[in-house]
Amino acid sequence: MKLNTQQIKVLRKLGHVLSPVVTVAERGLTETVVAAIEEALEIHELIKVKVRHDRERRIALYEEICQKTGALEVQKIGMILLIYRPSKKSKIALPGAKPKG
């Protein structure tokens, strides 16, 4: 799945009021952190992840998070990554998205 510009705009608007639900700190992207991100995505679909590393490592971790969880990057600002992954029972209706059924 790939997000179009209109869908990204909707998700960014929804994500504006969110706080980070998971923080990636010194130990990096451990199995426990990946499991926490997976669980949060299944519940909320759209979450913020805080990554506390230097710039180069942070960018690599952003890509790794998306790859391991199957989530789509919506936005990254500083240490905050906003990601989206539709759950089995979609909660967020995106414009132009085909309804599951």
N, C-alpha and C. Protein backbone atom coordinates (compact mmCIF):
# COMPACT_ATOMS: atom_id res chain seq x y z
N MET A 1 0.85 -1.19 0.00
CA MET A 1 0.00 0.00 0.00
C MET A 1 0.89 1.24 0.00
N LYS A 2 0.46 2.22 -0.74
CA LYS A 2 1.17 3.48 -0.79
C LYS A 2 0.16 4.60 -0.55
N LEU A 3 0.57 5.61 0.18
CA LEU A 3 -0.32 6.72 0.49
C LEU A 3 -0.18 7.82 -0.55
N ASN A 4 -1.32 8.39 -0.96
CA ASN A 4 -1.25 9.54 -1.87
C ASN A 4 -1.20 10.83 -1.04
N THR A 5 -1.04 11.93 -1.70
CA THR A 5 -0.87 13.22 -1.02
C THR A 5 -2.07 13.58 -0.15
N GLN A 6 -3.26 13.32 -0.65
CA GLN A 6 -4.47 13.65 0.11
C GLN A 6 -4.55 12.79 1.38
N GLN A 7 -4.21 11.53 1.29
CA GLN A 7 -4.24 10.63 2.45
C GLN A 7 -3.20 11.05 3.49
N ILE A 8 -2.01 11.42 3.03
CA ILE A 8 -0.96 11.88 3.93
C ILE A 8 -1.42 13.13 4.67
N LYS A 9 -2.07 14.03 3.96
CA LYS A 9 -2.56 15.27 4.57
C LYS A 9 -3.56 14.96 5.69
N VAL A 10 -4.47 14.01 5.44
CA VAL A 10 -5.47 13.64 6.45
C VAL A 10 -4.77 13.03 7.66
N LEU A 11 -3.82 12.13 7.43
CA LEU A 11 -3.12 11.46 8.52
C LEU A 11 -2.26 12.44 9.33
N ARG A 12 -1.62 13.38 8.67
CA ARG A 12 -0.83 14.38 9.38
C ARG A 12 -1.72 15.23 10.28
N LYS A 13 -2.90 15.57 9.78
CA LYS A 13 -3.85 16.36 10.57
C LYS A 13 -4.29 15.57 11.81
N LEU A 14 -4.60 14.29 11.63
CA LEU A 14 -5.00 13.44 12.75
C LEU A 14 -3.84 13.24 13.74
N GLY A 15 -2.63 13.14 13.21
CA GLY A 15 -1.46 12.89 14.04
C GLY A 15 -0.98 14.10 14.82
N HIS A 16 -1.42 15.27 14.42
CA HIS A 16 -0.95 16.50 15.06
C HIS A 16 -1.17 16.51 16.57
N VAL A 17 -2.27 15.98 17.02
CA VAL A 17 -2.61 16.02 18.45
C VAL A 17 -2.08 14.82 19.23
N LEU A 18 -1.49 13.86 18.55
CA LEU A 18 -0.99 12.65 19.21
C LEU A 18 0.32 12.90 19.95
N SER A 19 0.53 12.13 20.99
CA SER A 19 1.80 12.11 21.70
C SER A 19 2.49 10.79 21.37
N PRO A 20 3.83 10.75 21.45
CA PRO A 20 4.52 9.48 21.18
C PRO A 20 4.08 8.39 22.16
N VAL A 21 3.81 7.20 21.64
CA VAL A 21 3.40 6.08 22.48
C VAL A 21 4.54 5.11 22.75
N VAL A 22 5.58 5.17 21.94
CA VAL A 22 6.75 4.31 22.11
C VAL A 22 8.00 5.16 21.93
N THR A 23 9.02 4.88 22.75
CA THR A 23 10.30 5.56 22.63
C THR A 23 11.40 4.55 22.37
N VAL A 24 12.21 4.83 21.35
CA VAL A 24 13.38 4.00 21.06
C VAL A 24 14.57 4.74 21.66
N ALA A 25 15.20 4.13 22.67
CA ALA A 25 16.29 4.80 23.38
C ALA A 25 17.63 4.11 23.11
N GLU A 26 18.51 4.09 24.11
CA GLU A 26 19.90 3.62 23.96
C GLU A 26 20.02 2.22 23.37
N ARG A 27 19.16 1.31 23.77
CA ARG A 27 19.27 -0.08 23.33
C ARG A 27 18.81 -0.28 21.89
N GLY A 28 18.23 0.72 21.31
CA GLY A 28 17.82 0.64 19.91
C GLY A 28 16.49 -0.08 19.73
N LEU A 29 16.35 -0.69 18.58
CA LEU A 29 15.10 -1.32 18.19
C LEU A 29 15.11 -2.79 18.61
N THR A 30 14.83 -3.05 19.88
CA THR A 30 14.82 -4.40 20.41
C THR A 30 13.50 -5.09 20.05
N GLU A 31 13.43 -6.39 20.28
CA GLU A 31 12.21 -7.15 20.00
C GLU A 31 11.04 -6.61 20.82
N THR A 32 11.32 -6.20 22.04
CA THR A 32 10.28 -5.67 22.92
C THR A 32 9.71 -4.36 22.36
N VAL A 33 10.59 -3.51 21.86
CA VAL A 33 10.15 -2.23 21.29
C VAL A 33 9.33 -2.48 20.02
N VAL A 34 9.79 -3.39 19.18
CA VAL A 34 9.05 -3.72 17.96
C VAL A 34 7.67 -4.27 18.32
N ALA A 35 7.61 -5.13 19.33
CA ALA A 35 6.32 -5.68 19.78
C ALA A 35 5.40 -4.58 20.29
N ALA A 36 5.95 -3.60 21.01
CA ALA A 36 5.15 -2.48 21.52
C ALA A 36 4.60 -1.63 20.37
N ILE A 37 5.43 -1.41 19.35
CA ILE A 37 4.99 -0.65 18.18
C ILE A 37 3.89 -1.41 17.44
N GLU A 38 4.10 -2.72 17.26
CA GLU A 38 3.10 -3.57 16.59
C GLU A 38 1.76 -3.50 17.32
N GLU A 39 1.80 -3.63 18.62
CA GLU A 39 0.57 -3.60 19.43
C GLU A 39 -0.13 -2.25 19.32
N ALA A 40 0.64 -1.18 19.42
CA ALA A 40 0.07 0.17 19.32
C ALA A 40 -0.55 0.41 17.94
N LEU A 41 0.11 -0.08 16.89
CA LEU A 41 -0.43 0.07 15.54
C LEU A 41 -1.73 -0.70 15.37
N GLU A 42 -1.80 -1.88 15.95
CA GLU A 42 -3.02 -2.69 15.83
C GLU A 42 -4.19 -2.01 16.55
N ILE A 43 -3.90 -1.36 17.65
CA ILE A 43 -4.96 -0.69 18.41
C ILE A 43 -5.35 0.65 17.78
N HIS A 44 -4.34 1.46 17.42
CA HIS A 44 -4.60 2.85 17.01
C HIS A 44 -4.48 3.12 15.52
N GLU A 45 -3.74 2.33 14.78
CA GLU A 45 -3.44 2.49 13.36
C GLU A 45 -2.47 3.64 13.06
N LEU A 46 -2.58 4.74 13.76
CA LEU A 46 -1.72 5.90 13.55
C LEU A 46 -1.04 6.24 14.87
N ILE A 47 0.28 6.17 14.90
CA ILE A 47 1.00 6.44 16.15
C ILE A 47 2.25 7.27 15.89
N LYS A 48 2.74 7.86 16.97
CA LYS A 48 4.02 8.55 16.94
C LYS A 48 5.02 7.73 17.74
N VAL A 49 6.24 7.66 17.20
CA VAL A 49 7.35 6.97 17.86
C VAL A 49 8.47 7.98 18.04
N LYS A 50 9.01 8.04 19.25
CA LYS A 50 10.13 8.95 19.53
C LYS A 50 11.42 8.14 19.47
N VAL A 51 12.38 8.62 18.68
CA VAL A 51 13.65 7.92 18.51
C VAL A 51 14.76 8.83 19.03
N ARG A 52 15.40 8.41 20.14
CA ARG A 52 16.40 9.25 20.80
C ARG A 52 17.81 8.79 20.41
N HIS A 53 18.23 9.16 19.21
CA HIS A 53 19.56 8.84 18.70
C HIS A 53 20.04 10.02 17.86
N ASP A 54 21.32 9.97 17.45
CA ASP A 54 21.83 11.02 16.58
C ASP A 54 21.17 10.91 15.20
N ARG A 55 21.30 11.94 14.40
CA ARG A 55 20.56 12.07 13.15
C ARG A 55 20.72 10.87 12.20
N GLU A 56 21.94 10.45 11.94
CA GLU A 56 22.17 9.35 10.99
C GLU A 56 21.53 8.05 11.49
N ARG A 57 21.73 7.75 12.75
CA ARG A 57 21.17 6.52 13.34
C ARG A 57 19.65 6.59 13.37
N ARG A 58 19.12 7.77 13.65
CA ARG A 58 17.67 7.98 13.72
C ARG A 58 17.01 7.68 12.36
N ILE A 59 17.59 8.19 11.29
CA ILE A 59 17.04 7.96 9.95
C ILE A 59 17.05 6.48 9.61
N ALA A 60 18.13 5.78 9.96
CA ALA A 60 18.20 4.34 9.73
C ALA A 60 17.14 3.61 10.55
N LEU A 61 16.94 4.05 11.78
CA LEU A 61 15.93 3.42 12.64
C LEU A 61 14.51 3.66 12.12
N TYR A 62 14.25 4.84 11.57
CA TYR A 62 12.94 5.13 10.98
C TYR A 62 12.62 4.10 9.90
N GLU A 63 13.60 3.86 9.01
CA GLU A 63 13.40 2.90 7.93
C GLU A 63 13.22 1.48 8.47
N GLU A 64 14.01 1.14 9.48
CA GLU A 64 13.94 -0.19 10.07
C GLU A 64 12.58 -0.42 10.76
N ILE A 65 12.08 0.59 11.44
CA ILE A 65 10.78 0.50 12.10
C ILE A 65 9.70 0.20 11.06
N CYS A 66 9.69 0.96 9.98
CA CYS A 66 8.68 0.77 8.94
C CYS A 66 8.81 -0.61 8.29
N GLN A 67 10.03 -1.04 8.07
CA GLN A 67 10.26 -2.34 7.44
C GLN A 67 9.79 -3.48 8.35
N LYS A 68 10.15 -3.44 9.62
CA LYS A 68 9.82 -4.53 10.54
C LYS A 68 8.33 -4.59 10.89
N THR A 69 7.66 -3.46 10.88
CA THR A 69 6.25 -3.43 11.29
C THR A 69 5.29 -3.41 10.10
N GLY A 70 5.79 -3.14 8.92
CA GLY A 70 4.92 -3.04 7.76
C GLY A 70 4.13 -1.75 7.75
N ALA A 71 4.58 -0.77 8.53
CA ALA A 71 3.90 0.52 8.61
C ALA A 71 4.41 1.46 7.53
N LEU A 72 3.62 2.46 7.24
CA LEU A 72 3.98 3.48 6.27
C LEU A 72 4.38 4.76 6.98
N GLU A 73 5.47 5.34 6.56
CA GLU A 73 5.91 6.61 7.14
C GLU A 73 5.00 7.72 6.62
N VAL A 74 4.41 8.45 7.56
CA VAL A 74 3.56 9.57 7.20
C VAL A 74 4.36 10.87 7.29
N GLN A 75 5.13 11.01 8.38
CA GLN A 75 5.88 12.24 8.59
C GLN A 75 6.98 11.99 9.60
N LYS A 76 8.08 12.70 9.44
CA LYS A 76 9.13 12.68 10.46
C LYS A 76 9.58 14.10 10.70
N ILE A 77 9.58 14.46 11.97
CA ILE A 77 10.04 15.79 12.37
C ILE A 77 10.94 15.60 13.58
N GLY A 78 12.20 15.93 13.42
CA GLY A 78 13.15 15.77 14.52
C GLY A 78 13.21 14.34 14.98
N MET A 79 12.94 14.12 16.26
CA MET A 79 13.00 12.78 16.85
C MET A 79 11.67 12.03 16.75
N ILE A 80 10.67 12.62 16.14
CA ILE A 80 9.33 12.02 16.11
C ILE A 80 9.01 11.47 14.72
N LEU A 81 8.57 10.21 14.71
CA LEU A 81 8.15 9.54 13.48
C LEU A 81 6.66 9.23 13.60
N LEU A 82 5.89 9.67 12.62
CA LEU A 82 4.46 9.38 12.57
C LEU A 82 4.27 8.27 11.55
N ILE A 83 3.69 7.14 12.00
CA ILE A 83 3.50 5.99 11.10
C ILE A 83 2.06 5.52 11.11
N TYR A 84 1.68 4.88 10.01
CA TYR A 84 0.31 4.40 9.84
C TYR A 84 0.33 2.97 9.29
N ARG A 85 -0.51 2.14 9.86
CA ARG A 85 -0.74 0.80 9.32
C ARG A 85 -2.19 0.44 9.60
N PRO A 86 -2.98 0.21 8.55
CA PRO A 86 -4.38 -0.13 8.77
C PRO A 86 -4.49 -1.46 9.52
N SER A 87 -5.41 -1.51 10.47
CA SER A 87 -5.63 -2.75 11.22
C SER A 87 -6.71 -3.57 10.51
N LYS A 88 -6.97 -4.75 11.03
CA LYS A 88 -7.99 -5.62 10.42
C LYS A 88 -9.35 -4.94 10.42
N LYS A 89 -9.66 -4.23 11.48
CA LYS A 89 -10.90 -3.45 11.56
C LYS A 89 -10.52 -1.98 11.48
N SER A 90 -10.47 -1.45 10.27
CA SER A 90 -10.01 -0.08 10.05
C SER A 90 -10.80 0.92 10.87
N LYS A 91 -10.08 1.81 11.51
CA LYS A 91 -10.68 2.86 12.33
C LYS A 91 -10.61 4.21 11.62
N ILE A 92 -9.61 4.36 10.76
CA ILE A 92 -9.40 5.63 10.06
C ILE A 92 -9.84 5.46 8.61
N ALA A 93 -10.80 6.28 8.18
CA ALA A 93 -11.26 6.25 6.81
C ALA A 93 -10.43 7.24 5.98
N LEU A 94 -9.66 6.72 5.06
CA LEU A 94 -8.82 7.56 4.21
C LEU A 94 -9.54 7.86 2.89
N PRO A 95 -9.40 9.07 2.39
CA PRO A 95 -10.01 9.40 1.09
C PRO A 95 -9.36 8.57 -0.01
N GLY A 96 -10.18 8.02 -0.86
CA GLY A 96 -9.67 7.24 -1.98
C GLY A 96 -9.31 5.81 -1.64
N ALA A 97 -9.45 5.41 -0.37
CA ALA A 97 -9.12 4.05 0.02
C ALA A 97 -10.32 3.15 -0.23
N LYS A 98 -10.03 1.94 -0.69
CA LYS A 98 -11.10 0.98 -0.94
C LYS A 98 -11.52 0.34 0.37
N PRO A 99 -12.80 0.34 0.68
CA PRO A 99 -13.25 -0.28 1.92
C PRO A 99 -13.02 -1.79 1.89
N LYS A 100 -12.64 -2.34 3.05
CA LYS A 100 -12.43 -3.78 3.14
C LYS A 100 -13.78 -4.45 3.31
N GLY A 101 -13.95 -5.58 2.64
CA GLY A 101 -15.23 -6.22 2.80
C GLY A 101 -15.27 -7.48 2.10
